[in-house]
Amino acid sequence: LDLARRFKGAGTAERILITGDDPERLSEERKASEMGLDGRVHVAGHVVDPGGYYLGADASLNTLDSECGGPLVVVEALLE
């Protein structure tokens, strides 16, 4: 969300999509709204097949601290 706030402050039109469903999801959605990022940040929750999101993205950011078996999200992004 800090990245989205910085983009907004720079006057750019980037949109941020957050995927994944974790205990912080509702808190992140509320924070985005409080930061005035409605329409710029979308929290999609759990996505079974994220391939379409990677194809439509200019960049992908992995914020996970760890993932069992390695960062699968990086492999998925590279394959798309």
PDB file of N, CA and C in Angstrom:
ATOM      1  N   LEU A   1       0.816  -1.191   0.000  1.00  0.00           N
ATOM      2  CA  LEU A   1       0.000   0.000   0.000  1.00  0.00           C
ATOM      3  C   LEU A   1       0.858   1.254   0.000  1.00  0.00           C
ATOM      4  N   ASP A   2       2.007   1.168   0.630  1.00  0.00           N
ATOM      5  CA  ASP A   2       2.908   2.318   0.619  1.00  0.00           C
ATOM      6  C   ASP A   2       3.349   2.628  -0.808  1.00  0.00           C
ATOM      7  N   LEU A   3       3.598   1.591  -1.597  1.00  0.00           N
ATOM      8  CA  LEU A   3       3.985   1.783  -2.999  1.00  0.00           C
ATOM      9  C   LEU A   3       2.870   2.483  -3.778  1.00  0.00           C
ATOM     10  N   ALA A   4       1.630   2.061  -3.571  1.00  0.00           N
ATOM     11  CA  ALA A   4       0.493   2.694  -4.251  1.00  0.00           C
ATOM     12  C   ALA A   4       0.359   4.150  -3.837  1.00  0.00           C
ATOM     13  N   ARG A   5       0.584   4.435  -2.563  1.00  0.00           N
ATOM     14  CA  ARG A   5       0.513   5.817  -2.076  1.00  0.00           C
ATOM     15  C   ARG A   5       1.590   6.669  -2.735  1.00  0.00           C
ATOM     16  N   ARG A   6       2.773   6.110  -2.897  1.00  0.00           N
ATOM     17  CA  ARG A   6       3.867   6.849  -3.547  1.00  0.00           C
ATOM     18  C   ARG A   6       3.544   7.125  -5.012  1.00  0.00           C
ATOM     19  N   PHE A   7       2.973   6.131  -5.709  1.00  0.00           N
ATOM     20  CA  PHE A   7       2.567   6.342  -7.103  1.00  0.00           C
ATOM     21  C   PHE A   7       1.535   7.463  -7.188  1.00  0.00           C
ATOM     22  N   LYS A   8       0.556   7.428  -6.279  1.00  0.00           N
ATOM     23  CA  LYS A   8      -0.484   8.447  -6.284  1.00  0.00           C
ATOM     24  C   LYS A   8       0.127   9.830  -6.065  1.00  0.00           C
ATOM     25  N   GLY A   9       1.069   9.920  -5.140  1.00  0.00           N
ATOM     26  CA  GLY A   9       1.731  11.190  -4.850  1.00  0.00           C
ATOM     27  C   GLY A   9       2.556  11.702  -6.020  1.00  0.00           C
ATOM     28  N   ALA A  10       3.002  10.796  -6.872  1.00  0.00           N
ATOM     29  CA  ALA A  10       3.803  11.185  -8.034  1.00  0.00           C
ATOM     30  C   ALA A  10       2.926  11.583  -9.215  1.00  0.00           C
ATOM     31  N   GLY A  11       1.621  11.438  -9.064  1.00  0.00           N
ATOM     32  CA  GLY A  11       0.699  11.826 -10.132  1.00  0.00           C
ATOM     33  C   GLY A  11       0.591  10.819 -11.250  1.00  0.00           C
ATOM     34  N   THR A  12       0.969   9.574 -10.993  1.00  0.00           N
ATOM     35  CA  THR A  12       0.869   8.541 -12.025  1.00  0.00           C
ATOM     36  C   THR A  12      -0.472   7.819 -11.911  1.00  0.00           C
ATOM     37  N   ALA A  13      -0.788   7.001 -12.894  1.00  0.00           N
ATOM     38  CA  ALA A  13      -2.096   6.333 -12.944  1.00  0.00           C
ATOM     39  C   ALA A  13      -1.997   4.826 -12.725  1.00  0.00           C
ATOM     40  N   GLU A  14      -0.933   4.352 -12.093  1.00  0.00           N
ATOM     41  CA  GLU A  14      -0.791   2.922 -11.871  1.00  0.00           C
ATOM     42  C   GLU A  14      -1.908   2.391 -11.003  1.00  0.00           C
ATOM     43  N   ARG A  15      -2.257   1.136 -11.257  1.00  0.00           N
ATOM     44  CA  ARG A  15      -3.209   0.425 -10.425  1.00  0.00           C
ATOM     45  C   ARG A  15      -2.501  -0.759  -9.804  1.00  0.00           C
ATOM     46  N   ILE A  16      -2.844  -1.068  -8.581  1.00  0.00           N
ATOM     47  CA  ILE A  16      -2.207  -2.147  -7.832  1.00  0.00           C
ATOM     48  C   ILE A  16      -3.249  -3.234  -7.583  1.00  0.00           C
ATOM     49  N   LEU A  17      -2.883  -4.476  -7.911  1.00  0.00           N
ATOM     50  CA  LEU A  17      -3.734  -5.629  -7.651  1.00  0.00           C
ATOM     51  C   LEU A  17      -3.030  -6.495  -6.618  1.00  0.00           C
ATOM     52  N   ILE A  18      -3.707  -6.773  -5.521  1.00  0.00           N
ATOM     53  CA  ILE A  18      -3.156  -7.629  -4.472  1.00  0.00           C
ATOM     54  C   ILE A  18      -3.936  -8.934  -4.488  1.00  0.00           C
ATOM     55  N   THR A  19      -3.226 -10.054  -4.682  1.00  0.00           N
ATOM     56  CA  THR A  19      -3.864 -11.361  -4.662  1.00  0.00           C
ATOM     57  C   THR A  19      -3.426 -12.109  -3.415  1.00  0.00           C
ATOM     58  N   GLY A  20      -4.191 -13.100  -3.062  1.00  0.00           N
ATOM     59  CA  GLY A  20      -3.892 -13.891  -1.872  1.00  0.00           C
ATOM     60  C   GLY A  20      -4.915 -13.602  -0.793  1.00  0.00           C
ATOM     61  N   ASP A  21      -5.186 -14.608  -0.013  1.00  0.00           N
ATOM     62  CA  ASP A  21      -6.179 -14.463   1.041  1.00  0.00           C
ATOM     63  C   ASP A  21      -5.518 -14.802   2.359  1.00  0.00           C
ATOM     64  N   ASP A  22      -5.300 -13.802   3.163  1.00  0.00           N
ATOM     65  CA  ASP A  22      -4.687 -14.024   4.466  1.00  0.00           C
ATOM     66  C   ASP A  22      -5.439 -13.229   5.522  1.00  0.00           C
ATOM     67  N   PRO A  23      -5.088 -13.402   6.777  1.00  0.00           N
ATOM     68  CA  PRO A  23      -5.807 -12.718   7.850  1.00  0.00           C
ATOM     69  C   PRO A  23      -5.762 -11.188   7.750  1.00  0.00           C
ATOM     70  N   GLU A  24      -4.809 -10.637   7.026  1.00  0.00           N
ATOM     71  CA  GLU A  24      -4.666  -9.187   6.919  1.00  0.00           C
ATOM     72  C   GLU A  24      -5.488  -8.574   5.784  1.00  0.00           C
ATOM     73  N   ARG A  25      -6.167  -9.409   5.016  1.00  0.00           N
ATOM     74  CA  ARG A  25      -6.855  -8.914   3.815  1.00  0.00           C
ATOM     75  C   ARG A  25      -7.838  -7.782   4.122  1.00  0.00           C
ATOM     76  N   LEU A  26      -8.734  -7.979   5.064  1.00  0.00           N
ATOM     77  CA  LEU A  26      -9.721  -6.947   5.378  1.00  0.00           C
ATOM     78  C   LEU A  26      -9.045  -5.683   5.909  1.00  0.00           C
ATOM     79  N   SER A  27      -8.014  -5.863   6.693  1.00  0.00           N
ATOM     80  CA  SER A  27      -7.270  -4.719   7.212  1.00  0.00           C
ATOM     81  C   SER A  27      -6.616  -3.938   6.074  1.00  0.00           C
ATOM     82  N   GLU A  28      -6.058  -4.640   5.096  1.00  0.00           N
ATOM     83  CA  GLU A  28      -5.413  -3.984   3.952  1.00  0.00           C
ATOM     84  C   GLU A  28      -6.436  -3.234   3.103  1.00  0.00           C
ATOM     85  N   GLU A  29      -7.602  -3.839   2.903  1.00  0.00           N
ATOM     86  CA  GLU A  29      -8.654  -3.156   2.145  1.00  0.00           C
ATOM     87  C   GLU A  29      -9.081  -1.870   2.855  1.00  0.00           C
ATOM     88  N   ARG A  30      -9.230  -1.934   4.159  1.00  0.00           N
ATOM     89  CA  ARG A  30      -9.623  -0.755   4.938  1.00  0.00           C
ATOM     90  C   ARG A  30      -8.537   0.318   4.870  1.00  0.00           C
ATOM     91  N   LYS A  31      -7.273  -0.105   5.014  1.00  0.00           N
ATOM     92  CA  LYS A  31      -6.165   0.862   4.950  1.00  0.00           C
ATOM     93  C   LYS A  31      -6.102   1.549   3.593  1.00  0.00           C
ATOM     94  N   ALA A  32      -6.310   0.783   2.526  1.00  0.00           N
ATOM     95  CA  ALA A  32      -6.282   1.362   1.174  1.00  0.00           C
ATOM     96  C   ALA A  32      -7.347   2.442   1.048  1.00  0.00           C
ATOM     97  N   SER A  33      -8.534   2.163   1.570  1.00  0.00           N
ATOM     98  CA  SER A  33      -9.614   3.137   1.511  1.00  0.00           C
ATOM     99  C   SER A  33      -9.278   4.381   2.341  1.00  0.00           C
ATOM    100  N   GLU A  34      -8.739   4.171   3.532  1.00  0.00           N
ATOM    101  CA  GLU A  34      -8.374   5.291   4.400  1.00  0.00           C
ATOM    102  C   GLU A  34      -7.274   6.156   3.784  1.00  0.00           C
ATOM    103  N   MET A  35      -6.419   5.539   2.960  1.00  0.00           N
ATOM    104  CA  MET A  35      -5.324   6.261   2.316  1.00  0.00           C
ATOM    105  C   MET A  35      -5.774   6.957   1.035  1.00  0.00           C
ATOM    106  N   GLY A  36      -7.072   6.839   0.703  1.00  0.00           N
ATOM    107  CA  GLY A  36      -7.586   7.473  -0.503  1.00  0.00           C
ATOM    108  C   GLY A  36      -7.197   6.749  -1.773  1.00  0.00           C
ATOM    109  N   LEU A  37      -6.981   5.435  -1.670  1.00  0.00           N
ATOM    110  CA  LEU A  37      -6.521   4.658  -2.818  1.00  0.00           C
ATOM    111  C   LEU A  37      -7.648   3.868  -3.478  1.00  0.00           C
ATOM    112  N   ASP A  38      -8.895   4.191  -3.158  1.00  0.00           N
ATOM    113  CA  ASP A  38     -10.026   3.528  -3.815  1.00  0.00           C
ATOM    114  C   ASP A  38      -9.901   3.711  -5.325  1.00  0.00           C
ATOM    115  N   GLY A  39     -10.109   2.639  -6.060  1.00  0.00           N
ATOM    116  CA  GLY A  39      -9.997   2.707  -7.513  1.00  0.00           C
ATOM    117  C   GLY A  39      -8.582   2.481  -8.012  1.00  0.00           C
ATOM    118  N   ARG A  40      -7.604   2.591  -7.133  1.00  0.00           N
ATOM    119  CA  ARG A  40      -6.211   2.353  -7.515  1.00  0.00           C
ATOM    120  C   ARG A  40      -5.701   1.018  -6.987  1.00  0.00           C
ATOM    121  N   VAL A  41      -6.268   0.569  -5.869  1.00  0.00           N
ATOM    122  CA  VAL A  41      -5.864  -0.692  -5.249  1.00  0.00           C
ATOM    123  C   VAL A  41      -7.060  -1.628  -5.212  1.00  0.00           C
ATOM    124  N   HIS A  42      -6.873  -2.837  -5.755  1.00  0.00           N
ATOM    125  CA  HIS A  42      -7.921  -3.853  -5.731  1.00  0.00           C
ATOM    126  C   HIS A  42      -7.349  -5.079  -5.023  1.00  0.00           C
ATOM    127  N   VAL A  43      -8.044  -5.559  -4.001  1.00  0.00           N
ATOM    128  CA  VAL A  43      -7.628  -6.761  -3.289  1.00  0.00           C
ATOM    129  C   VAL A  43      -8.509  -7.901  -3.781  1.00  0.00           C
ATOM    130  N   ALA A  44      -7.917  -8.777  -4.599  1.00  0.00           N
ATOM    131  CA  ALA A  44      -8.679  -9.843  -5.258  1.00  0.00           C
ATOM    132  C   ALA A  44      -8.892 -11.066  -4.374  1.00  0.00           C
ATOM    133  N   GLY A  45      -8.103 -11.209  -3.326  1.00  0.00           N
ATOM    134  CA  GLY A  45      -8.208 -12.412  -2.494  1.00  0.00           C
ATOM    135  C   GLY A  45      -7.550 -13.597  -3.185  1.00  0.00           C
ATOM    136  N   HIS A  46      -8.012 -14.786  -2.839  1.00  0.00           N
ATOM    137  CA  HIS A  46      -7.437 -16.008  -3.403  1.00  0.00           C
ATOM    138  C   HIS A  46      -7.755 -16.110  -4.891  1.00  0.00           C
ATOM    139  N   VAL A  47      -6.742 -16.394  -5.699  1.00  0.00           N
ATOM    140  CA  VAL A  47      -6.903 -16.554  -7.143  1.00  0.00           C
ATOM    141  C   VAL A  47      -6.380 -17.933  -7.518  1.00  0.00           C
ATOM    142  N   VAL A  48      -7.238 -18.780  -8.073  1.00  0.00           N
ATOM    143  CA  VAL A  48      -6.855 -20.149  -8.419  1.00  0.00           C
ATOM    144  C   VAL A  48      -5.828 -20.158  -9.542  1.00  0.00           C
ATOM    145  N   ASP A  49      -6.060 -19.399 -10.597  1.00  0.00           N
ATOM    146  CA  ASP A  49      -5.145 -19.354 -11.737  1.00  0.00           C
ATOM    147  C   ASP A  49      -4.758 -17.900 -12.014  1.00  0.00           C
ATOM    148  N   PRO A  50      -3.614 -17.449 -11.491  1.00  0.00           N
ATOM    149  CA  PRO A  50      -3.226 -16.040 -11.628  1.00  0.00           C
ATOM    150  C   PRO A  50      -2.606 -15.688 -12.978  1.00  0.00           C
ATOM    151  N   GLY A  51      -2.533 -16.637 -13.900  1.00  0.00           N
ATOM    152  CA  GLY A  51      -1.857 -16.402 -15.175  1.00  0.00           C
ATOM    153  C   GLY A  51      -2.329 -15.167 -15.920  1.00  0.00           C
ATOM    154  N   GLY A  52      -3.619 -14.954 -15.975  1.00  0.00           N
ATOM    155  CA  GLY A  52      -4.160 -13.790 -16.673  1.00  0.00           C
ATOM    156  C   GLY A  52      -3.707 -12.480 -16.059  1.00  0.00           C
ATOM    157  N   TYR A  53      -3.557 -12.470 -14.751  1.00  0.00           N
ATOM    158  CA  TYR A  53      -3.073 -11.258 -14.080  1.00  0.00           C
ATOM    159  C   TYR A  53      -1.631 -10.958 -14.477  1.00  0.00           C
ATOM    160  N   TYR A  54      -0.811 -12.011 -14.554  1.00  0.00           N
ATOM    161  CA  TYR A  54       0.586 -11.797 -14.953  1.00  0.00           C
ATOM    162  C   TYR A  54       0.676 -11.278 -16.385  1.00  0.00           C
ATOM    163  N   LEU A  55      -0.160 -11.828 -17.266  1.00  0.00           N
ATOM    164  CA  LEU A  55      -0.132 -11.395 -18.666  1.00  0.00           C
ATOM    165  C   LEU A  55      -0.512  -9.925 -18.823  1.00  0.00           C
ATOM    166  N   GLY A  56      -1.387  -9.437 -17.965  1.00  0.00           N
ATOM    167  CA  GLY A  56      -1.830  -8.054 -18.055  1.00  0.00           C
ATOM    168  C   GLY A  56      -1.013  -7.077 -17.236  1.00  0.00           C
ATOM    169  N   ALA A  57      -0.006  -7.573 -16.547  1.00  0.00           N
ATOM    170  CA  ALA A  57       0.771  -6.720 -15.640  1.00  0.00           C
ATOM    171  C   ALA A  57       2.056  -6.208 -16.291  1.00  0.00           C
ATOM    172  N   ASP A  58       2.442  -5.022 -15.905  1.00  0.00           N
ATOM    173  CA  ASP A  58       3.738  -4.485 -16.318  1.00  0.00           C
ATOM    174  C   ASP A  58       4.839  -4.932 -15.369  1.00  0.00           C
ATOM    175  N   ALA A  59       4.460  -5.269 -14.128  1.00  0.00           N
ATOM    176  CA  ALA A  59       5.430  -5.705 -13.127  1.00  0.00           C
ATOM    177  C   ALA A  59       4.735  -6.614 -12.125  1.00  0.00           C
ATOM    178  N   SER A  60       5.519  -7.446 -11.463  1.00  0.00           N
ATOM    179  CA  SER A  60       5.012  -8.319 -10.412  1.00  0.00           C
ATOM    180  C   SER A  60       5.915  -8.159  -9.200  1.00  0.00           C
ATOM    181  N   LEU A  61       5.311  -8.020  -8.041  1.00  0.00           N
ATOM    182  CA  LEU A  61       6.064  -7.831  -6.804  1.00  0.00           C
ATOM    183  C   LEU A  61       5.689  -8.942  -5.841  1.00  0.00           C
ATOM    184  N   ASN A  62       6.677  -9.679  -5.363  1.00  0.00           N
ATOM    185  CA  ASN A  62       6.455 -10.752  -4.408  1.00  0.00           C
ATOM    186  C   ASN A  62       6.822 -10.244  -3.020  1.00  0.00           C
ATOM    187  N   THR A  63       5.845 -10.178  -2.126  1.00  0.00           N
ATOM    188  CA  THR A  63       6.102  -9.665  -0.786  1.00  0.00           C
ATOM    189  C   THR A  63       6.107 -10.757   0.280  1.00  0.00           C
ATOM    190  N   LEU A  64       6.063 -12.014  -0.139  1.00  0.00           N
ATOM    191  CA  LEU A  64       6.067 -13.117   0.824  1.00  0.00           C
ATOM    192  C   LEU A  64       7.425 -13.243   1.491  1.00  0.00           C
ATOM    193  N   ASP A  65       7.395 -13.497   2.798  1.00  0.00           N
ATOM    194  CA  ASP A  65       8.639 -13.762   3.517  1.00  0.00           C
ATOM    195  C   ASP A  65       9.159 -15.145   3.191  1.00  0.00           C
ATOM    196  N   SER A  66       8.252 -16.097   3.042  1.00  0.00           N
ATOM    197  CA  SER A  66       8.652 -17.464   2.709  1.00  0.00           C
ATOM    198  C   SER A  66       7.474 -18.190   2.100  1.00  0.00           C
ATOM    199  N   GLU A  67       7.780 -19.220   1.366  1.00  0.00           N
ATOM    200  CA  GLU A  67       6.743 -20.073   0.791  1.00  0.00           C
ATOM    201  C   GLU A  67       7.293 -21.483   0.785  1.00  0.00           C
ATOM    202  N   CYS A  68       6.556 -22.406   1.302  1.00  0.00           N
ATOM    203  CA  CYS A  68       6.992 -23.796   1.387  1.00  0.00           C
ATOM    204  C   CYS A  68       7.376 -24.313   0.001  1.00  0.00           C
ATOM    205  N   GLY A  69       8.584 -24.814  -0.153  1.00  0.00           N
ATOM    206  CA  GLY A  69       9.029 -25.354  -1.427  1.00  0.00           C
ATOM    207  C   GLY A  69       9.604 -24.320  -2.373  1.00  0.00           C
ATOM    208  N   GLY A  70       9.722 -23.096  -1.952  1.00  0.00           N
ATOM    209  CA  GLY A  70      10.289 -22.050  -2.798  1.00  0.00           C
ATOM    210  C   GLY A  70       9.220 -21.093  -3.293  1.00  0.00           C
ATOM    211  N   PRO A  71       9.640 -19.995  -3.878  1.00  0.00           N
ATOM    212  CA  PRO A  71       8.695 -18.958  -4.310  1.00  0.00           C
ATOM    213  C   PRO A  71       7.991 -19.322  -5.616  1.00  0.00           C
ATOM    214  N   LEU A  72       6.925 -20.104  -5.518  1.00  0.00           N
ATOM    215  CA  LEU A  72       6.182 -20.543  -6.694  1.00  0.00           C
ATOM    216  C   LEU A  72       5.654 -19.368  -7.496  1.00  0.00           C
ATOM    217  N   VAL A  73       5.297 -18.291  -6.827  1.00  0.00           N
ATOM    218  CA  VAL A  73       4.750 -17.123  -7.512  1.00  0.00           C
ATOM    219  C   VAL A  73       5.748 -16.566  -8.533  1.00  0.00           C
ATOM    220  N   VAL A  74       7.024 -16.647  -8.245  1.00  0.00           N
ATOM    221  CA  VAL A  74       8.049 -16.159  -9.179  1.00  0.00           C
ATOM    222  C   VAL A  74       8.078 -17.045 -10.417  1.00  0.00           C
ATOM    223  N   VAL A  75       8.028 -18.352 -10.230  1.00  0.00           N
ATOM    224  CA  VAL A  75       8.016 -19.293 -11.356  1.00  0.00           C
ATOM    225  C   VAL A  75       6.764 -19.074 -12.211  1.00  0.00           C
ATOM    226  N   GLU A  76       5.604 -18.899 -11.562  1.00  0.00           N
ATOM    227  CA  GLU A  76       4.370 -18.670 -12.303  1.00  0.00           C
ATOM    228  C   GLU A  76       4.470 -17.401 -13.154  1.00  0.00           C
ATOM    229  N   ALA A  77       5.009 -16.353 -12.593  1.00  0.00           N
ATOM    230  CA  ALA A  77       5.137 -15.097 -13.327  1.00  0.00           C
ATOM    231  C   ALA A  77       6.076 -15.246 -14.513  1.00  0.00           C
ATOM    232  N   LEU A  78       7.162 -15.967 -14.354  1.00  0.00           N
ATOM    233  CA  LEU A  78       8.118 -16.144 -15.442  1.00  0.00           C
ATOM    234  C   LEU A  78       7.547 -16.993 -16.569  1.00  0.00           C
ATOM    235  N   LEU A  79       6.702 -17.960 -16.230  1.00  0.00           N
ATOM    236  CA  LEU A  79       6.134 -18.835 -17.252  1.00  0.00           C
ATOM    237  C   LEU A  79       5.051 -18.159 -18.075  1.00  0.00           C
ATOM    238  N   GLU A  80       4.438 -17.137 -17.540  1.00  0.00           N
ATOM    239  CA  GLU A  80       3.397 -16.433 -18.277  1.00  0.00           C
ATOM    240  C   GLU A  80       4.075 -15.485 -19.190  1.00  0.00           C
TER     241      GLU A  80
END
